[in-house]
């Protein structure tokens, strides 16, 4: 009987030791959503966070680096998960808690003071904040496991994006904000395994130049490119229109001079002399150009 009891006791000790070793080997994931965990970062425009993986660095553009993980390293080619010392993990968690607390404190502060109390404006702000968060939730955090507190802080931070805006400009500003979210979403979709945004309490913090506020310049550049493309398309269309008119019979043909002036006036609205010159070079022969110049 004593022998059986001793064997059972030894087996229990062995199981406890095995369980303890197993716990040490486990990776400790931070309170974030599942996504790529590389801390390799080099895009400062779109929400890149330099703090490492404890806050999920964003939108990585380089190949995954298998060192420096905030939740455990893979060493050599064995795939063995390196041990994370408890004190290091505690420091990471303490840092996150402190950072979250600071941001939450800023989010709770009283709003923008340049506007008199206006229930209608307050209702508009609430509506736009809800619509904005719904867009961000579906496009950037669809698979994220967010707590109610994280969502609450995010909405308060988002409201601070709208508070300085004049009431009559809220609709236009909201449209621009949504376009910026769409830009980030499209960028992530090109490489979803290695591109992602930080948690909302970081991403929408107005004091974070690498978060949502950092997409303003990106959006401006995108709008500029779109206008340039639009102008090029208009010029190309007018060139084809003029050239096709020249091929028509006299009966069906619009006056060359009349159509030329119409096209020229349309292009002139862009206030870009290079576009007008491009149109002239494409549709005018030397003799025709002389005739039109003579009539001016």
C-alpha atoms as a PDB file:
ATOM      1  CA  UNK A   1       0.000   0.000   0.000  1.00  0.00           C
ATOM      2  CA  UNK A   2       2.843   2.367   0.946  1.00  0.00           C
ATOM      3  CA  UNK A   3       4.587   1.522  -2.304  1.00  0.00           C
ATOM      4  CA  UNK A   4       1.482   2.372  -4.368  1.00  0.00           C
ATOM      5  CA  UNK A   5       1.010   5.633  -2.446  1.00  0.00           C
ATOM      6  CA  UNK A   6       4.655   6.620  -3.020  1.00  0.00           C
ATOM      7  CA  UNK A   7       4.360   5.853  -6.741  1.00  0.00           C
ATOM      8  CA  UNK A   8       1.220   7.983  -6.990  1.00  0.00           C
ATOM      9  CA  UNK A   9       2.945  10.826  -5.125  1.00  0.00           C
ATOM     10  CA  UNK A  10       5.985  10.676  -7.414  1.00  0.00           C
ATOM     11  CA  UNK A  11       3.712  10.690 -10.484  1.00  0.00           C
ATOM     12  CA  UNK A  12       1.832  13.730  -9.188  1.00  0.00           C
ATOM     13  CA  UNK A  13       5.106  15.619  -8.657  1.00  0.00           C
ATOM     14  CA  UNK A  14       6.237  14.715 -12.158  1.00  0.00           C
ATOM     15  CA  UNK A  15       2.941  15.969 -13.602  1.00  0.00           C
ATOM     16  CA  UNK A  16       3.232  19.245 -11.677  1.00  0.00           C
ATOM     17  CA  UNK A  17       6.772  19.766 -12.962  1.00  0.00           C
ATOM     18  CA  UNK A  18       5.699  19.022 -16.526  1.00  0.00           C
ATOM     19  CA  UNK A  19       2.783  21.448 -16.210  1.00  0.00           C
ATOM     20  CA  UNK A  20       5.064  24.188 -14.870  1.00  0.00           C
ATOM     21  CA  UNK A  21       7.523  23.768 -17.712  1.00  0.00           C
ATOM     22  CA  UNK A  22       4.656  23.840 -20.185  1.00  0.00           C
ATOM     23  CA  UNK A  23       3.394  27.138 -18.766  1.00  0.00           C
ATOM     24  CA  UNK A  24       6.865  28.688 -19.033  1.00  0.00           C
ATOM     25  CA  UNK A  25       7.093  27.731 -22.694  1.00  0.00           C
ATOM     26  CA  UNK A  26       3.762  29.325 -23.632  1.00  0.00           C
ATOM     27  CA  UNK A  27       3.761  32.691 -25.417  1.00  0.00           C
ATOM     28  CA  UNK A  28       1.997  35.505 -23.633  1.00  0.00           C
ATOM     29  CA  UNK A  29      -0.106  37.476 -26.104  1.00  0.00           C
ATOM     30  CA  UNK A  30      -0.843  41.117 -25.277  1.00  0.00           C
ATOM     31  CA  UNK A  31      -4.398  42.424 -25.107  1.00  0.00           C
ATOM     32  CA  UNK A  32      -4.721  42.988 -28.839  1.00  0.00           C
ATOM     33  CA  UNK A  33      -6.418  41.400 -31.794  1.00  0.00           C
ATOM     34  CA  UNK A  34      -4.854  38.630 -33.841  1.00  0.00           C
ATOM     35  CA  UNK A  35      -2.755  39.946 -36.686  1.00  0.00           C
ATOM     36  CA  UNK A  36       0.782  39.963 -38.012  1.00  0.00           C
ATOM     37  CA  UNK A  37       3.212  40.541 -35.144  1.00  0.00           C
ATOM     38  CA  UNK A  38       6.360  41.729 -36.823  1.00  0.00           C
ATOM     39  CA  UNK A  39       7.900  44.838 -35.307  1.00  0.00           C
ATOM     40  CA  UNK A  40       9.629  45.754 -38.558  1.00  0.00           C
ATOM     41  CA  UNK A  41       8.383  49.238 -39.462  1.00  0.00           C
ATOM     42  CA  UNK A  42       9.204  51.874 -42.030  1.00  0.00           C
ATOM     43  CA  UNK A  43       5.996  53.645 -43.090  1.00  0.00           C
ATOM     44  CA  UNK A  44       5.547  56.827 -41.095  1.00  0.00           C
ATOM     45  CA  UNK A  45       2.593  58.129 -43.106  1.00  0.00           C
ATOM     46  CA  UNK A  46       0.070  55.454 -42.329  1.00  0.00           C
ATOM     47  CA  UNK A  47      -0.076  54.800 -38.614  1.00  0.00           C
ATOM     48  CA  UNK A  48       3.327  53.250 -38.001  1.00  0.00           C
ATOM     49  CA  UNK A  49       4.040  52.889 -34.311  1.00  0.00           C
ATOM     50  CA  UNK A  50       7.668  52.753 -33.197  1.00  0.00           C
ATOM     51  CA  UNK A  51       6.938  51.271 -29.788  1.00  0.00           C
ATOM     52  CA  UNK A  52       7.294  47.625 -30.807  1.00  0.00           C
ATOM     53  CA  UNK A  53       4.857  44.754 -30.786  1.00  0.00           C
ATOM     54  CA  UNK A  54       3.407  45.403 -27.389  1.00  0.00           C
ATOM     55  CA  UNK A  55       1.153  47.904 -29.185  1.00  0.00           C
ATOM     56  CA  UNK A  56       1.107  46.268 -32.596  1.00  0.00           C
ATOM     57  CA  UNK A  57       3.299  48.186 -35.024  1.00  0.00           C
ATOM     58  CA  UNK A  58       1.344  49.093 -38.109  1.00  0.00           C
ATOM     59  CA  UNK A  59       1.438  48.585 -41.834  1.00  0.00           C
ATOM     60  CA  UNK A  60       4.775  46.895 -42.188  1.00  0.00           C
ATOM     61  CA  UNK A  61       6.258  47.182 -45.669  1.00  0.00           C
ATOM     62  CA  UNK A  62       9.236  44.876 -45.336  1.00  0.00           C
ATOM     63  CA  UNK A  63       9.630  41.128 -44.971  1.00  0.00           C
ATOM     64  CA  UNK A  64       8.777  39.622 -41.633  1.00  0.00           C
ATOM     65  CA  UNK A  65      11.633  39.702 -39.158  1.00  0.00           C
ATOM     66  CA  UNK A  66      11.731  36.766 -36.773  1.00  0.00           C
ATOM     67  CA  UNK A  67      13.505  38.582 -33.970  1.00  0.00           C
ATOM     68  CA  UNK A  68      12.418  41.074 -31.355  1.00  0.00           C
ATOM     69  CA  UNK A  69       8.836  39.855 -30.992  1.00  0.00           C
ATOM     70  CA  UNK A  70       7.043  41.261 -28.004  1.00  0.00           C
ATOM     71  CA  UNK A  71       5.365  37.911 -27.391  1.00  0.00           C
ATOM     72  CA  UNK A  72       8.205  35.440 -27.945  1.00  0.00           C
ATOM     73  CA  UNK A  73      11.060  34.800 -30.391  1.00  0.00           C
ATOM     74  CA  UNK A  74      11.735  31.879 -32.650  1.00  0.00           C
ATOM     75  CA  UNK A  75      15.363  30.891 -32.260  1.00  0.00           C
ATOM     76  CA  UNK A  76      17.495  29.349 -34.995  1.00  0.00           C
ATOM     77  CA  UNK A  77      15.715  27.003 -37.387  1.00  0.00           C
ATOM     78  CA  UNK A  78      14.226  24.752 -34.724  1.00  0.00           C
ATOM     79  CA  UNK A  79      10.994  26.692 -34.354  1.00  0.00           C
ATOM     80  CA  UNK A  80      11.446  26.521 -30.596  1.00  0.00           C
ATOM     81  CA  UNK A  81       9.638  29.331 -28.817  1.00  0.00           C
ATOM     82  CA  UNK A  82      12.000  31.241 -26.564  1.00  0.00           C
ATOM     83  CA  UNK A  83      11.041  31.756 -22.967  1.00  0.00           C
ATOM     84  CA  UNK A  84       9.600  35.123 -21.932  1.00  0.00           C
ATOM     85  CA  UNK A  85      10.706  36.214 -18.496  1.00  0.00           C
ATOM     86  CA  UNK A  86       7.738  37.255 -16.323  1.00  0.00           C
ATOM     87  CA  UNK A  87       9.330  40.570 -15.363  1.00  0.00           C
ATOM     88  CA  UNK A  88       9.686  41.562 -19.052  1.00  0.00           C
ATOM     89  CA  UNK A  89       6.066  40.713 -19.767  1.00  0.00           C
ATOM     90  CA  UNK A  90       4.981  42.643 -16.682  1.00  0.00           C
ATOM     91  CA  UNK A  91       6.872  45.719 -17.924  1.00  0.00           C
ATOM     92  CA  UNK A  92       5.150  45.468 -21.314  1.00  0.00           C
ATOM     93  CA  UNK A  93       1.728  45.152 -19.713  1.00  0.00           C
ATOM     94  CA  UNK A  94       2.484  47.992 -17.289  1.00  0.00           C
ATOM     95  CA  UNK A  95       3.584  50.187 -20.208  1.00  0.00           C
ATOM     96  CA  UNK A  96       0.381  49.420 -22.113  1.00  0.00           C
ATOM     97  CA  UNK A  97      -1.813  50.103 -19.086  1.00  0.00           C
ATOM     98  CA  UNK A  98      -0.048  53.412 -18.434  1.00  0.00           C
ATOM     99  CA  UNK A  99      -0.325  54.467 -22.082  1.00  0.00           C
ATOM    100  CA  UNK A 100      -3.994  53.494 -22.258  1.00  0.00           C
ATOM    101  CA  UNK A 101      -4.695  55.401 -19.061  1.00  0.00           C
ATOM    102  CA  UNK A 102      -3.017  58.561 -20.351  1.00  0.00           C
ATOM    103  CA  UNK A 103      -4.944  58.466 -23.627  1.00  0.00           C
ATOM    104  CA  UNK A 104      -8.223  57.691 -21.862  1.00  0.00           C
ATOM    105  CA  UNK A 105      -7.614  60.656 -19.561  1.00  0.00           C
ATOM    106  CA  UNK A 106      -7.152  62.979 -22.538  1.00  0.00           C
ATOM    107  CA  UNK A 107     -10.255  61.557 -24.183  1.00  0.00           C
ATOM    108  CA  UNK A 108     -12.324  62.295 -21.059  1.00  0.00           C
ATOM    109  CA  UNK A 109     -11.312  65.949 -20.915  1.00  0.00           C
ATOM    110  CA  UNK A 110     -13.909  68.563 -21.800  1.00  0.00           C
ATOM    111  CA  UNK A 111     -14.472  69.224 -25.463  1.00  0.00           C
ATOM    112  CA  UNK A 112     -13.614  72.105 -27.768  1.00  0.00           C
ATOM    113  CA  UNK A 113     -14.589  75.457 -26.219  1.00  0.00           C
ATOM    114  CA  UNK A 114     -14.891  77.664 -29.319  1.00  0.00           C
ATOM    115  CA  UNK A 115     -18.564  76.820 -29.865  1.00  0.00           C
ATOM    116  CA  UNK A 116     -21.558  77.853 -27.790  1.00  0.00           C
ATOM    117  CA  UNK A 117     -23.739  75.008 -26.458  1.00  0.00           C
ATOM    118  CA  UNK A 118     -25.862  73.754 -29.343  1.00  0.00           C
ATOM    119  CA  UNK A 119     -27.990  70.591 -29.027  1.00  0.00           C
ATOM    120  CA  UNK A 120     -28.342  70.329 -32.807  1.00  0.00           C
ATOM    121  CA  UNK A 121     -24.568  70.436 -33.253  1.00  0.00           C
ATOM    122  CA  UNK A 122     -24.109  67.894 -30.474  1.00  0.00           C
ATOM    123  CA  UNK A 123     -26.531  65.542 -32.222  1.00  0.00           C
ATOM    124  CA  UNK A 124     -24.640  65.979 -35.494  1.00  0.00           C
ATOM    125  CA  UNK A 125     -21.332  65.219 -33.781  1.00  0.00           C
ATOM    126  CA  UNK A 126     -22.783  62.083 -32.213  1.00  0.00           C
ATOM    127  CA  UNK A 127     -24.126  60.946 -35.578  1.00  0.00           C
ATOM    128  CA  UNK A 128     -20.868  61.534 -37.461  1.00  0.00           C
ATOM    129  CA  UNK A 129     -18.803  59.873 -34.731  1.00  0.00           C
ATOM    130  CA  UNK A 130     -21.060  56.803 -34.872  1.00  0.00           C
ATOM    131  CA  UNK A 131     -20.907  56.641 -38.668  1.00  0.00           C
ATOM    132  CA  UNK A 132     -17.152  57.097 -38.653  1.00  0.00           C
ATOM    133  CA  UNK A 133     -16.614  54.385 -36.048  1.00  0.00           C
ATOM    134  CA  UNK A 134     -18.929  52.018 -37.924  1.00  0.00           C
ATOM    135  CA  UNK A 135     -16.798  52.518 -41.047  1.00  0.00           C
ATOM    136  CA  UNK A 136     -13.521  52.042 -39.174  1.00  0.00           C
ATOM    137  CA  UNK A 137     -14.849  48.997 -37.327  1.00  0.00           C
ATOM    138  CA  UNK A 138     -15.931  47.274 -40.543  1.00  0.00           C
ATOM    139  CA  UNK A 139     -12.871  48.170 -42.621  1.00  0.00           C
ATOM    140  CA  UNK A 140      -9.987  48.231 -40.148  1.00  0.00           C
ATOM    141  CA  UNK A 141     -11.100  46.208 -37.128  1.00  0.00           C
ATOM    142  CA  UNK A 142     -13.581  43.723 -38.552  1.00  0.00           C
ATOM    143  CA  UNK A 143     -11.837  40.711 -37.012  1.00  0.00           C
ATOM    144  CA  UNK A 144     -10.578  42.514 -33.927  1.00  0.00           C
ATOM    145  CA  UNK A 145     -11.663  41.441 -30.467  1.00  0.00           C
ATOM    146  CA  UNK A 146     -12.180  44.839 -28.840  1.00  0.00           C
ATOM    147  CA  UNK A 147     -13.435  45.478 -25.331  1.00  0.00           C
ATOM    148  CA  UNK A 148     -16.272  47.893 -24.562  1.00  0.00           C
ATOM    149  CA  UNK A 149     -13.761  50.222 -22.917  1.00  0.00           C
ATOM    150  CA  UNK A 150     -11.548  50.255 -26.017  1.00  0.00           C
ATOM    151  CA  UNK A 151     -14.547  51.131 -28.187  1.00  0.00           C
ATOM    152  CA  UNK A 152     -15.648  53.862 -25.767  1.00  0.00           C
ATOM    153  CA  UNK A 153     -12.179  55.450 -25.738  1.00  0.00           C
ATOM    154  CA  UNK A 154     -12.001  55.208 -29.540  1.00  0.00           C
ATOM    155  CA  UNK A 155     -15.318  57.052 -29.953  1.00  0.00           C
ATOM    156  CA  UNK A 156     -14.243  59.791 -27.562  1.00  0.00           C
ATOM    157  CA  UNK A 157     -11.002  60.244 -29.487  1.00  0.00           C
ATOM    158  CA  UNK A 158     -12.861  60.269 -32.806  1.00  0.00           C
ATOM    159  CA  UNK A 159     -15.159  62.988 -31.496  1.00  0.00           C
ATOM    160  CA  UNK A 160     -12.099  65.138 -30.842  1.00  0.00           C
ATOM    161  CA  UNK A 161     -11.352  64.933 -34.569  1.00  0.00           C
ATOM    162  CA  UNK A 162     -14.702  66.579 -35.292  1.00  0.00           C
ATOM    163  CA  UNK A 163     -14.914  69.083 -32.430  1.00  0.00           C
ATOM    164  CA  UNK A 164     -12.746  71.862 -33.992  1.00  0.00           C
ATOM    165  CA  UNK A 165     -14.728  71.720 -37.270  1.00  0.00           C
ATOM    166  CA  UNK A 166     -17.326  74.389 -38.047  1.00  0.00           C
ATOM    167  CA  UNK A 167     -20.870  73.026 -38.047  1.00  0.00           C
ATOM    168  CA  UNK A 168     -21.402  73.848 -41.722  1.00  0.00           C
ATOM    169  CA  UNK A 169     -18.214  71.942 -42.610  1.00  0.00           C
ATOM    170  CA  UNK A 170     -18.967  68.764 -40.662  1.00  0.00           C
ATOM    171  CA  UNK A 171     -20.439  66.905 -43.627  1.00  0.00           C
ATOM    172  CA  UNK A 172     -17.503  67.667 -45.920  1.00  0.00           C
ATOM    173  CA  UNK A 173     -14.977  66.855 -43.199  1.00  0.00           C
ATOM    174  CA  UNK A 174     -16.731  63.564 -42.482  1.00  0.00           C
ATOM    175  CA  UNK A 175     -16.477  62.645 -46.159  1.00  0.00           C
ATOM    176  CA  UNK A 176     -12.735  63.336 -46.106  1.00  0.00           C
ATOM    177  CA  UNK A 177     -12.301  61.264 -42.943  1.00  0.00           C
ATOM    178  CA  UNK A 178     -14.124  58.324 -44.517  1.00  0.00           C
ATOM    179  CA  UNK A 179     -11.971  58.623 -47.642  1.00  0.00           C
ATOM    180  CA  UNK A 180      -8.874  58.432 -45.437  1.00  0.00           C
ATOM    181  CA  UNK A 181     -10.173  55.257 -43.789  1.00  0.00           C
ATOM    182  CA  UNK A 182     -10.814  53.803 -47.252  1.00  0.00           C
ATOM    183  CA  UNK A 183      -7.240  54.616 -48.298  1.00  0.00           C
ATOM    184  CA  UNK A 184      -5.850  52.758 -45.299  1.00  0.00           C
ATOM    185  CA  UNK A 185      -8.197  49.823 -45.896  1.00  0.00           C
ATOM    186  CA  UNK A 186      -7.171  49.507 -49.546  1.00  0.00           C
ATOM    187  CA  UNK A 187      -3.515  49.686 -48.563  1.00  0.00           C
ATOM    188  CA  UNK A 188      -3.911  46.897 -46.015  1.00  0.00           C
ATOM    189  CA  UNK A 189      -5.794  44.654 -48.446  1.00  0.00           C
ATOM    190  CA  UNK A 190      -2.803  44.647 -50.790  1.00  0.00           C
ATOM    191  CA  UNK A 191      -0.818  42.696 -48.191  1.00  0.00           C
ATOM    192  CA  UNK A 192      -3.080  41.808 -45.235  1.00  0.00           C
ATOM    193  CA  UNK A 193      -0.552  39.430 -43.699  1.00  0.00           C
ATOM    194  CA  UNK A 194       1.969  42.200 -43.098  1.00  0.00           C
ATOM    195  CA  UNK A 195      -0.083  45.399 -42.985  1.00  0.00           C
ATOM    196  CA  UNK A 196      -2.443  46.409 -40.204  1.00  0.00           C
ATOM    197  CA  UNK A 197      -3.302  49.300 -37.921  1.00  0.00           C
ATOM    198  CA  UNK A 198      -2.703  49.704 -34.213  1.00  0.00           C
ATOM    199  CA  UNK A 199      -5.498  49.373 -31.681  1.00  0.00           C
ATOM    200  CA  UNK A 200      -8.058  52.203 -31.894  1.00  0.00           C
ATOM    201  CA  UNK A 201      -7.004  53.887 -28.636  1.00  0.00           C
ATOM    202  CA  UNK A 202      -3.606  54.442 -30.278  1.00  0.00           C
ATOM    203  CA  UNK A 203      -4.661  54.900 -33.874  1.00  0.00           C
ATOM    204  CA  UNK A 204      -7.237  57.645 -33.242  1.00  0.00           C
ATOM    205  CA  UNK A 205      -5.234  59.456 -30.585  1.00  0.00           C
ATOM    206  CA  UNK A 206      -4.960  63.028 -31.868  1.00  0.00           C
ATOM    207  CA  UNK A 207      -1.498  63.270 -30.279  1.00  0.00           C
ATOM    208  CA  UNK A 208      -0.200  60.385 -32.379  1.00  0.00           C
ATOM    209  CA  UNK A 209       1.255  61.772 -35.644  1.00  0.00           C
ATOM    210  CA  UNK A 210       1.682  58.229 -36.941  1.00  0.00           C
ATOM    211  CA  UNK A 211      -1.965  57.332 -36.418  1.00  0.00           C
ATOM    212  CA  UNK A 212      -5.078  58.531 -38.223  1.00  0.00           C
ATOM    213  CA  UNK A 213      -3.979  62.177 -38.108  1.00  0.00           C
ATOM    214  CA  UNK A 214      -0.950  61.147 -40.169  1.00  0.00           C
ATOM    215  CA  UNK A 215      -3.189  60.164 -43.086  1.00  0.00           C
ATOM    216  CA  UNK A 216      -4.131  63.789 -43.825  1.00  0.00           C
ATOM    217  CA  UNK A 217      -1.098  64.430 -46.052  1.00  0.00           C
ATOM    218  CA  UNK A 218      -1.582  61.037 -47.678  1.00  0.00           C
ATOM    219  CA  UNK A 219      -5.190  61.927 -48.499  1.00  0.00           C
ATOM    220  CA  UNK A 220      -4.175  65.317 -49.894  1.00  0.00           C
ATOM    221  CA  UNK A 221      -1.589  63.698 -52.164  1.00  0.00           C
ATOM    222  CA  UNK A 222      -4.148  61.124 -53.287  1.00  0.00           C
ATOM    223  CA  UNK A 223      -6.682  63.838 -54.140  1.00  0.00           C
ATOM    224  CA  UNK A 224      -4.012  65.732 -56.058  1.00  0.00           C
ATOM    225  CA  UNK A 225      -3.167  62.641 -58.110  1.00  0.00           C
ATOM    226  CA  UNK A 226      -6.843  62.027 -58.832  1.00  0.00           C
ATOM    227  CA  UNK A 227      -7.245  65.575 -60.142  1.00  0.00           C
ATOM    228  CA  UNK A 228      -4.178  65.173 -62.345  1.00  0.00           C
ATOM    229  CA  UNK A 229      -5.563  61.945 -63.784  1.00  0.00           C
ATOM    230  CA  UNK A 230      -8.955  63.566 -64.308  1.00  0.00           C
ATOM    231  CA  UNK A 231      -7.372  66.440 -66.233  1.00  0.00           C
ATOM    232  CA  UNK A 232      -5.400  64.066 -68.411  1.00  0.00           C
ATOM    233  CA  UNK A 233      -8.564  62.124 -69.208  1.00  0.00           C
ATOM    234  CA  UNK A 234     -10.445  65.316 -70.114  1.00  0.00           C
ATOM    235  CA  UNK A 235      -7.666  66.473 -72.442  1.00  0.00           C
ATOM    236  CA  UNK A 236      -7.473  63.050 -74.099  1.00  0.00           C
ATOM    237  CA  UNK A 237     -11.242  62.997 -74.577  1.00  0.00           C
ATOM    238  CA  UNK A 238     -11.269  66.476 -76.151  1.00  0.00           C
ATOM    239  CA  UNK A 239      -8.399  65.549 -78.467  1.00  0.00           C
ATOM    240  CA  UNK A 240     -10.337  62.513 -79.699  1.00  0.00           C
ATOM    241  CA  UNK A 241     -13.486  64.594 -80.043  1.00  0.00           C
ATOM    242  CA  UNK A 242     -11.754  67.179 -82.218  1.00  0.00           C
ATOM    243  CA  UNK A 243      -9.941  64.595 -84.332  1.00  0.00           C
ATOM    244  CA  UNK A 244     -13.123  62.577 -84.909  1.00  0.00           C
ATOM    245  CA  UNK A 245     -14.942  65.734 -85.956  1.00  0.00           C
ATOM    246  CA  UNK A 246     -12.267  66.437 -88.564  1.00  0.00           C
ATOM    247  CA  UNK A 247     -12.962  63.046 -90.156  1.00  0.00           C
ATOM    248  CA  UNK A 248     -16.674  63.723 -90.655  1.00  0.00           C
ATOM    249  CA  UNK A 249     -18.343  64.884 -93.840  1.00  0.00           C
ATOM    250  CA  UNK A 250     -18.954  68.590 -94.163  1.00  0.00           C
ATOM    251  CA  UNK A 251     -22.695  68.129 -93.606  1.00  0.00           C
ATOM    252  CA  UNK A 252     -22.244  66.410 -90.231  1.00  0.00           C
ATOM    253  CA  UNK A 253     -19.170  68.298 -89.174  1.00  0.00           C
ATOM    254  CA  UNK A 254     -19.089  70.978 -86.496  1.00  0.00           C
ATOM    255  CA  UNK A 255     -17.118  74.075 -87.372  1.00  0.00           C
ATOM    256  CA  UNK A 256     -13.462  73.293 -86.658  1.00  0.00           C
ATOM    257  CA  UNK A 257     -12.869  76.747 -85.215  1.00  0.00           C
ATOM    258  CA  UNK A 258     -15.990  76.598 -83.045  1.00  0.00           C
ATOM    259  CA  UNK A 259     -15.125  73.161 -81.636  1.00  0.00           C
ATOM    260  CA  UNK A 260     -11.515  74.194 -81.146  1.00  0.00           C
ATOM    261  CA  UNK A 261     -12.579  77.199 -79.062  1.00  0.00           C
ATOM    262  CA  UNK A 262     -14.955  75.070 -76.996  1.00  0.00           C
ATOM    263  CA  UNK A 263     -12.258  72.528 -76.218  1.00  0.00           C
ATOM    264  CA  UNK A 264      -9.730  75.242 -75.497  1.00  0.00           C
ATOM    265  CA  UNK A 265     -12.099  76.968 -73.052  1.00  0.00           C
ATOM    266  CA  UNK A 266     -12.773  73.697 -71.231  1.00  0.00           C
ATOM    267  CA  UNK A 267      -9.074  72.976 -70.834  1.00  0.00           C
ATOM    268  CA  UNK A 268      -8.404  76.583 -69.861  1.00  0.00           C
ATOM    269  CA  UNK A 269     -10.488  76.113 -66.693  1.00  0.00           C
ATOM    270  CA  UNK A 270      -7.697  73.946 -65.303  1.00  0.00           C
ATOM    271  CA  UNK A 271      -5.314  76.936 -65.362  1.00  0.00           C
ATOM    272  CA  UNK A 272      -2.529  74.716 -66.642  1.00  0.00           C
ATOM    273  CA  UNK A 273      -0.762  76.001 -69.754  1.00  0.00           C
ATOM    274  CA  UNK A 274       0.926  72.640 -70.349  1.00  0.00           C
ATOM    275  CA  UNK A 275      -2.465  70.975 -70.920  1.00  0.00           C
ATOM    276  CA  UNK A 276      -3.448  73.615 -73.466  1.00  0.00           C
ATOM    277  CA  UNK A 277      -0.127  73.171 -75.243  1.00  0.00           C
ATOM    278  CA  UNK A 278      -0.654  69.429 -75.316  1.00  0.00           C
ATOM    279  CA  UNK A 279      -4.061  69.907 -76.912  1.00  0.00           C
ATOM    280  CA  UNK A 280      -2.643  72.287 -79.513  1.00  0.00           C
ATOM    281  CA  UNK A 281       0.194  69.919 -80.383  1.00  0.00           C
ATOM    282  CA  UNK A 282      -2.217  67.011 -80.836  1.00  0.00           C
ATOM    283  CA  UNK A 283      -4.897  68.644 -83.007  1.00  0.00           C
ATOM    284  CA  UNK A 284      -3.251  71.456 -84.931  1.00  0.00           C
ATOM    285  CA  UNK A 285      -1.150  71.239 -88.035  1.00  0.00           C
ATOM    286  CA  UNK A 286       1.273  74.073 -88.633  1.00  0.00           C
ATOM    287  CA  UNK A 287      -0.923  75.775 -91.236  1.00  0.00           C
ATOM    288  CA  UNK A 288      -4.087  75.383 -89.163  1.00  0.00           C
ATOM    289  CA  UNK A 289      -2.344  76.871 -86.154  1.00  0.00           C
ATOM    290  CA  UNK A 290      -1.301  79.877 -88.249  1.00  0.00           C
ATOM    291  CA  UNK A 291      -4.896  80.421 -89.407  1.00  0.00           C
ATOM    292  CA  UNK A 292      -6.315  80.235 -85.893  1.00  0.00           C
ATOM    293  CA  UNK A 293      -3.599  82.516 -84.542  1.00  0.00           C
ATOM    294  CA  UNK A 294      -4.397  84.991 -87.304  1.00  0.00           C
ATOM    295  CA  UNK A 295      -8.072  85.157 -86.279  1.00  0.00           C
ATOM    296  CA  UNK A 296      -7.260  85.891 -82.633  1.00  0.00           C
END
